[in-house]
Amino acid sequence: MAEAIISPDTSRNDLLKVASAGVISGILTPLMVPLIDRIAGTPGDFRIALVAIPFAVLVFILIRRLSANPWWAAWIGALVTMIAFVAAVNAAIFIDGQADNAAKAARNVLSGLAGGFVGAGLMALGIALLPAGPRDAAAWLPMLATGTVAGALLAIDNALDLDLASVLYPVWQAGVGAMLALALRRAKLS
């Protein structure tokens, strides 16, 4: 089924398929929280990393199908995605704490921008270091910009008090997934 969703050709239609898979992973991401909360005795950052599993699966599929990397690189890419998710959450929390004098909406926008930037940036850095990852920084700029801007949607999630639903994750994961597909395709064609 993964092959039907993610094809090696990144035409507009195929990017829409990747984005659709990103939306699905983004819908599943907040639904993971109640499942992971049932695991007793695990550290907080590990639990946060487990929440990232749906998007890590998509990244795994993209790296496996759209790059010339060895099989193990897709596993590394999925792990990098989970680490980036933890770092993004921690960056958002840090910025929220630093901007405690600002209005709640402004704090949420700033936190989201920081989290989106950190998450997309660490993913780009980690995947670029894979054997067949794009080394050209320009290949990663669309993903970094998309992740940063989409991170601001955290303000909408907080304003609407969304818990098991999210605007941020489906949009962020769809955009970053599509831009990752473009970056990987660019490296494969080089």
C-alpha atoms as a PDB file:
ATOM      1  CA  MET A   1       0.000   0.000   0.000  1.00  0.00           C
ATOM      2  CA  ALA A   2       2.879   2.350   0.729  1.00  0.00           C
ATOM      3  CA  GLU A   3       3.960   2.030  -2.881  1.00  0.00           C
ATOM      4  CA  ALA A   4       0.524   3.154  -4.023  1.00  0.00           C
ATOM      5  CA  ILE A   5       0.699   6.218  -1.784  1.00  0.00           C
ATOM      6  CA  ILE A   6       4.300   7.224  -2.413  1.00  0.00           C
ATOM      7  CA  SER A   7       5.684   6.839  -5.907  1.00  0.00           C
ATOM      8  CA  PRO A   8       9.210   7.730  -7.016  1.00  0.00           C
ATOM      9  CA  ASP A   9       7.929  10.411  -9.403  1.00  0.00           C
ATOM     10  CA  THR A  10       7.304  13.729  -7.664  1.00  0.00           C
ATOM     11  CA  SER A  11       4.874  15.202 -10.129  1.00  0.00           C
ATOM     12  CA  ARG A  12       2.093  17.385  -8.720  1.00  0.00           C
ATOM     13  CA  ASN A  13      -0.181  14.385  -8.412  1.00  0.00           C
ATOM     14  CA  ASP A  14       2.452  12.442  -6.514  1.00  0.00           C
ATOM     15  CA  LEU A  15       3.192  15.402  -4.230  1.00  0.00           C
ATOM     16  CA  LEU A  16      -0.522  15.539  -3.475  1.00  0.00           C
ATOM     17  CA  LYS A  17      -0.342  11.873  -2.487  1.00  0.00           C
ATOM     18  CA  VAL A  18       2.576  12.610  -0.174  1.00  0.00           C
ATOM     19  CA  ALA A  19       0.728  15.601   1.284  1.00  0.00           C
ATOM     20  CA  SER A  20      -2.373  13.437   1.782  1.00  0.00           C
ATOM     21  CA  ALA A  21      -0.293  10.861   3.623  1.00  0.00           C
ATOM     22  CA  GLY A  22       1.081  13.753   5.713  1.00  0.00           C
ATOM     23  CA  VAL A  23      -2.449  14.870   6.565  1.00  0.00           C
ATOM     24  CA  ILE A  24      -3.304  11.320   7.664  1.00  0.00           C
ATOM     25  CA  SER A  25      -0.168  11.091   9.817  1.00  0.00           C
ATOM     26  CA  GLY A  26      -0.988  14.531  11.227  1.00  0.00           C
ATOM     27  CA  ILE A  27      -4.471  13.380  12.205  1.00  0.00           C
ATOM     28  CA  LEU A  28      -3.021  10.270  13.865  1.00  0.00           C
ATOM     29  CA  THR A  29      -0.305  12.153  15.778  1.00  0.00           C
ATOM     30  CA  PRO A  30      -2.471  13.724  18.527  1.00  0.00           C
ATOM     31  CA  LEU A  31      -4.492  10.508  18.742  1.00  0.00           C
ATOM     32  CA  MET A  32      -1.298   8.734  19.837  1.00  0.00           C
ATOM     33  CA  VAL A  33      -1.177  10.698  23.109  1.00  0.00           C
ATOM     34  CA  PRO A  34      -3.886   8.727  24.986  1.00  0.00           C
ATOM     35  CA  LEU A  35      -2.302   5.452  23.849  1.00  0.00           C
ATOM     36  CA  ILE A  36       1.159   6.498  24.963  1.00  0.00           C
ATOM     37  CA  ASP A  37      -0.172   7.837  28.275  1.00  0.00           C
ATOM     38  CA  ARG A  38      -1.025   4.227  29.148  1.00  0.00           C
ATOM     39  CA  ILE A  39       2.674   3.309  29.139  1.00  0.00           C
ATOM     40  CA  ALA A  40       3.803   3.680  32.726  1.00  0.00           C
ATOM     41  CA  GLY A  41       7.299   4.558  33.829  1.00  0.00           C
ATOM     42  CA  THR A  42       8.691   6.001  30.602  1.00  0.00           C
ATOM     43  CA  PRO A  43      10.554   9.327  30.545  1.00  0.00           C
ATOM     44  CA  GLY A  44       8.751  12.369  29.149  1.00  0.00           C
ATOM     45  CA  ASP A  45      10.962  12.892  26.086  1.00  0.00           C
ATOM     46  CA  PHE A  46      10.653   9.221  25.135  1.00  0.00           C
ATOM     47  CA  ARG A  47       6.858   9.534  25.315  1.00  0.00           C
ATOM     48  CA  ILE A  48       7.001  12.655  23.132  1.00  0.00           C
ATOM     49  CA  ALA A  49       9.144  10.744  20.617  1.00  0.00           C
ATOM     50  CA  LEU A  50       6.557   7.962  20.465  1.00  0.00           C
ATOM     51  CA  VAL A  51       3.898  10.512  19.503  1.00  0.00           C
ATOM     52  CA  ALA A  52       5.939  11.165  16.349  1.00  0.00           C
ATOM     53  CA  ILE A  53       5.623   7.568  15.096  1.00  0.00           C
ATOM     54  CA  PRO A  54       2.966   8.276  12.409  1.00  0.00           C
ATOM     55  CA  PHE A  55       5.103  10.957  10.752  1.00  0.00           C
ATOM     56  CA  ALA A  56       8.287   8.918  11.249  1.00  0.00           C
ATOM     57  CA  VAL A  57       6.629   6.095   9.285  1.00  0.00           C
ATOM     58  CA  LEU A  58       5.917   8.510   6.427  1.00  0.00           C
ATOM     59  CA  VAL A  59       9.511   9.757   6.483  1.00  0.00           C
ATOM     60  CA  PHE A  60      10.731   6.158   6.477  1.00  0.00           C
ATOM     61  CA  ILE A  61       8.642   5.426   3.362  1.00  0.00           C
ATOM     62  CA  LEU A  62       9.793   8.600   1.607  1.00  0.00           C
ATOM     63  CA  ILE A  63      13.480   7.932   2.235  1.00  0.00           C
ATOM     64  CA  ARG A  64      13.120   4.295   1.206  1.00  0.00           C
ATOM     65  CA  ARG A  65      11.221   5.040  -2.012  1.00  0.00           C
ATOM     66  CA  LEU A  66      12.619   8.388  -3.130  1.00  0.00           C
ATOM     67  CA  SER A  67      16.321   8.162  -2.408  1.00  0.00           C
ATOM     68  CA  ALA A  68      19.289   6.032  -3.320  1.00  0.00           C
ATOM     69  CA  ASN A  69      20.055   5.464   0.366  1.00  0.00           C
ATOM     70  CA  PRO A  70      20.759   1.980   1.733  1.00  0.00           C
ATOM     71  CA  TRP A  71      17.893   0.259   3.591  1.00  0.00           C
ATOM     72  CA  TRP A  72      19.181   1.245   7.031  1.00  0.00           C
ATOM     73  CA  ALA A  73      19.121   4.955   6.170  1.00  0.00           C
ATOM     74  CA  ALA A  74      15.324   4.970   6.197  1.00  0.00           C
ATOM     75  CA  TRP A  75      15.419   3.739   9.809  1.00  0.00           C
ATOM     76  CA  ILE A  76      17.899   6.479  10.695  1.00  0.00           C
ATOM     77  CA  GLY A  77      15.661   9.047   8.990  1.00  0.00           C
ATOM     78  CA  ALA A  78      12.664   7.865  11.034  1.00  0.00           C
ATOM     79  CA  LEU A  79      14.721   8.078  14.230  1.00  0.00           C
ATOM     80  CA  VAL A  80      15.925  11.574  13.284  1.00  0.00           C
ATOM     81  CA  THR A  81      12.282  12.551  12.770  1.00  0.00           C
ATOM     82  CA  MET A  82      11.374  11.385  16.258  1.00  0.00           C
ATOM     83  CA  ILE A  83      14.331  13.252  17.771  1.00  0.00           C
ATOM     84  CA  ALA A  84      13.397  16.385  15.799  1.00  0.00           C
ATOM     85  CA  PHE A  85       9.836  16.112  17.134  1.00  0.00           C
ATOM     86  CA  VAL A  86      11.103  16.055  20.732  1.00  0.00           C
ATOM     87  CA  ALA A  87      13.423  19.001  20.063  1.00  0.00           C
ATOM     88  CA  ALA A  88      10.600  20.952  18.385  1.00  0.00           C
ATOM     89  CA  VAL A  89       8.271  20.441  21.355  1.00  0.00           C
ATOM     90  CA  ASN A  90      11.010  21.463  23.783  1.00  0.00           C
ATOM     91  CA  ALA A  91      11.896  24.531  21.685  1.00  0.00           C
ATOM     92  CA  ALA A  92       8.243  25.595  21.624  1.00  0.00           C
ATOM     93  CA  ILE A  93       7.992  25.180  25.403  1.00  0.00           C
ATOM     94  CA  PHE A  94      11.226  27.121  25.918  1.00  0.00           C
ATOM     95  CA  ILE A  95      10.107  30.036  23.732  1.00  0.00           C
ATOM     96  CA  ASP A  96       6.715  30.083  25.431  1.00  0.00           C
ATOM     97  CA  GLY A  97       8.461  30.421  28.780  1.00  0.00           C
ATOM     98  CA  GLN A  98      10.769  33.149  27.503  1.00  0.00           C
ATOM     99  CA  ALA A  99       7.883  35.199  26.110  1.00  0.00           C
ATOM    100  CA  ASP A 100       5.768  35.028  29.256  1.00  0.00           C
ATOM    101  CA  ASN A 101       5.116  38.804  29.192  1.00  0.00           C
ATOM    102  CA  ALA A 102       3.599  38.665  25.694  1.00  0.00           C
ATOM    103  CA  ALA A 103      -0.052  38.012  24.946  1.00  0.00           C
ATOM    104  CA  LYS A 104      -1.050  34.336  24.769  1.00  0.00           C
ATOM    105  CA  ALA A 105      -1.654  34.453  21.001  1.00  0.00           C
ATOM    106  CA  ALA A 106       1.753  36.063  20.373  1.00  0.00           C
ATOM    107  CA  ARG A 107       3.460  33.468  22.589  1.00  0.00           C
ATOM    108  CA  ASN A 108       1.744  30.669  20.688  1.00  0.00           C
ATOM    109  CA  VAL A 109       2.785  32.077  17.315  1.00  0.00           C
ATOM    110  CA  LEU A 110       6.384  32.540  18.470  1.00  0.00           C
ATOM    111  CA  SER A 111       6.456  29.088  20.069  1.00  0.00           C
ATOM    112  CA  GLY A 112       5.034  27.524  16.921  1.00  0.00           C
ATOM    113  CA  LEU A 113       7.507  29.299  14.669  1.00  0.00           C
ATOM    114  CA  ALA A 114      10.401  28.153  16.872  1.00  0.00           C
ATOM    115  CA  GLY A 115       9.129  24.578  17.108  1.00  0.00           C
ATOM    116  CA  GLY A 116       8.438  24.392  13.376  1.00  0.00           C
ATOM    117  CA  PHE A 117      11.892  25.750  12.561  1.00  0.00           C
ATOM    118  CA  VAL A 118      13.696  23.414  14.968  1.00  0.00           C
ATOM    119  CA  GLY A 119      11.725  20.352  13.839  1.00  0.00           C
ATOM    120  CA  ALA A 120      12.180  20.956  10.124  1.00  0.00           C
ATOM    121  CA  GLY A 121      15.784  22.093  10.599  1.00  0.00           C
ATOM    122  CA  LEU A 122      16.866  19.019  12.545  1.00  0.00           C
ATOM    123  CA  MET A 123      15.105  16.738  10.088  1.00  0.00           C
ATOM    124  CA  ALA A 124      16.841  18.456   7.172  1.00  0.00           C
ATOM    125  CA  LEU A 125      20.227  18.286   8.878  1.00  0.00           C
ATOM    126  CA  GLY A 126      19.855  14.643   9.893  1.00  0.00           C
ATOM    127  CA  ILE A 127      18.550  13.451   6.527  1.00  0.00           C
ATOM    128  CA  ALA A 128      21.139  15.518   4.633  1.00  0.00           C
ATOM    129  CA  LEU A 129      23.854  13.577   6.464  1.00  0.00           C
ATOM    130  CA  LEU A 130      22.567  10.228   5.172  1.00  0.00           C
ATOM    131  CA  PRO A 131      24.736   8.682   2.448  1.00  0.00           C
ATOM    132  CA  ALA A 132      22.506   9.803  -0.448  1.00  0.00           C
ATOM    133  CA  GLY A 133      20.944  12.821   1.276  1.00  0.00           C
ATOM    134  CA  PRO A 134      20.951  16.139  -0.555  1.00  0.00           C
ATOM    135  CA  ARG A 135      24.051  18.095   0.488  1.00  0.00           C
ATOM    136  CA  ASP A 136      22.920  21.312  -1.198  1.00  0.00           C
ATOM    137  CA  ALA A 137      21.424  23.685   1.386  1.00  0.00           C
ATOM    138  CA  ALA A 138      19.096  25.120  -1.259  1.00  0.00           C
ATOM    139  CA  ALA A 139      17.381  21.722  -1.524  1.00  0.00           C
ATOM    140  CA  TRP A 140      16.334  22.008   2.123  1.00  0.00           C
ATOM    141  CA  LEU A 141      15.214  25.649   2.199  1.00  0.00           C
ATOM    142  CA  PRO A 142      11.630  24.941   1.018  1.00  0.00           C
ATOM    143  CA  MET A 143      11.210  22.319   3.740  1.00  0.00           C
ATOM    144  CA  LEU A 144      12.678  24.630   6.377  1.00  0.00           C
ATOM    145  CA  ALA A 145      10.468  27.543   5.316  1.00  0.00           C
ATOM    146  CA  THR A 146       7.350  25.378   5.144  1.00  0.00           C
ATOM    147  CA  GLY A 147       8.019  23.847   8.564  1.00  0.00           C
ATOM    148  CA  THR A 148       8.678  27.227  10.159  1.00  0.00           C
ATOM    149  CA  VAL A 149       5.613  28.971   8.745  1.00  0.00           C
ATOM    150  CA  ALA A 150       3.310  26.000   9.384  1.00  0.00           C
ATOM    151  CA  GLY A 151       4.545  25.923  12.983  1.00  0.00           C
ATOM    152  CA  ALA A 152       2.662  29.159  13.591  1.00  0.00           C
ATOM    153  CA  LEU A 153      -0.550  27.117  13.357  1.00  0.00           C
ATOM    154  CA  LEU A 154       0.130  26.158  16.968  1.00  0.00           C
ATOM    155  CA  ALA A 155      -1.651  29.423  17.820  1.00  0.00           C
ATOM    156  CA  ILE A 156      -4.835  28.140  16.158  1.00  0.00           C
ATOM    157  CA  ASP A 157      -4.641  24.829  18.028  1.00  0.00           C
ATOM    158  CA  ASN A 158      -4.264  26.676  21.332  1.00  0.00           C
ATOM    159  CA  ALA A 159      -6.946  29.261  20.529  1.00  0.00           C
ATOM    160  CA  LEU A 160      -9.434  26.506  19.672  1.00  0.00           C
ATOM    161  CA  ASP A 161      -8.306  24.436  22.669  1.00  0.00           C
ATOM    162  CA  LEU A 162      -7.782  21.395  20.462  1.00  0.00           C
ATOM    163  CA  ASP A 163      -6.628  18.279  22.254  1.00  0.00           C
ATOM    164  CA  LEU A 164      -7.214  15.093  20.249  1.00  0.00           C
ATOM    165  CA  ALA A 165      -7.547  17.065  17.039  1.00  0.00           C
ATOM    166  CA  SER A 166      -5.087  19.498  15.536  1.00  0.00           C
ATOM    167  CA  VAL A 167      -4.680  22.005  12.742  1.00  0.00           C
ATOM    168  CA  LEU A 168      -0.910  22.165  13.203  1.00  0.00           C
ATOM    169  CA  TYR A 169       0.069  18.529  12.696  1.00  0.00           C
ATOM    170  CA  PRO A 170      -1.861  17.723   9.502  1.00  0.00           C
ATOM    171  CA  VAL A 171      -0.733  20.930   7.777  1.00  0.00           C
ATOM    172  CA  TRP A 172       2.853  20.786   9.062  1.00  0.00           C
ATOM    173  CA  GLN A 173       3.327  17.119   8.246  1.00  0.00           C
ATOM    174  CA  ALA A 174       1.712  17.453   4.810  1.00  0.00           C
ATOM    175  CA  GLY A 175       3.884  20.442   3.905  1.00  0.00           C
ATOM    176  CA  VAL A 176       7.129  19.104   5.321  1.00  0.00           C
ATOM    177  CA  GLY A 177       6.479  15.660   3.834  1.00  0.00           C
ATOM    178  CA  ALA A 178       5.930  17.128   0.361  1.00  0.00           C
ATOM    179  CA  MET A 179       9.039  19.323   0.634  1.00  0.00           C
ATOM    180  CA  LEU A 180      11.065  16.343   1.867  1.00  0.00           C
ATOM    181  CA  ALA A 181       9.918  14.401  -1.202  1.00  0.00           C
ATOM    182  CA  LEU A 182      11.097  17.267  -3.413  1.00  0.00           C
ATOM    183  CA  ALA A 183      14.483  17.440  -1.676  1.00  0.00           C
ATOM    184  CA  LEU A 184      15.020  13.688  -1.934  1.00  0.00           C
ATOM    185  CA  ARG A 185      13.978  13.648  -5.579  1.00  0.00           C
ATOM    186  CA  ARG A 186      16.371  16.522  -6.287  1.00  0.00           C
ATOM    187  CA  ALA A 187      19.255  14.559  -4.742  1.00  0.00           C
ATOM    188  CA  LYS A 188      18.338  11.428  -6.665  1.00  0.00           C
ATOM    189  CA  LEU A 189      18.348  13.333  -9.958  1.00  0.00           C
ATOM    190  CA  SER A 190      21.728  14.969  -9.234  1.00  0.00           C
END
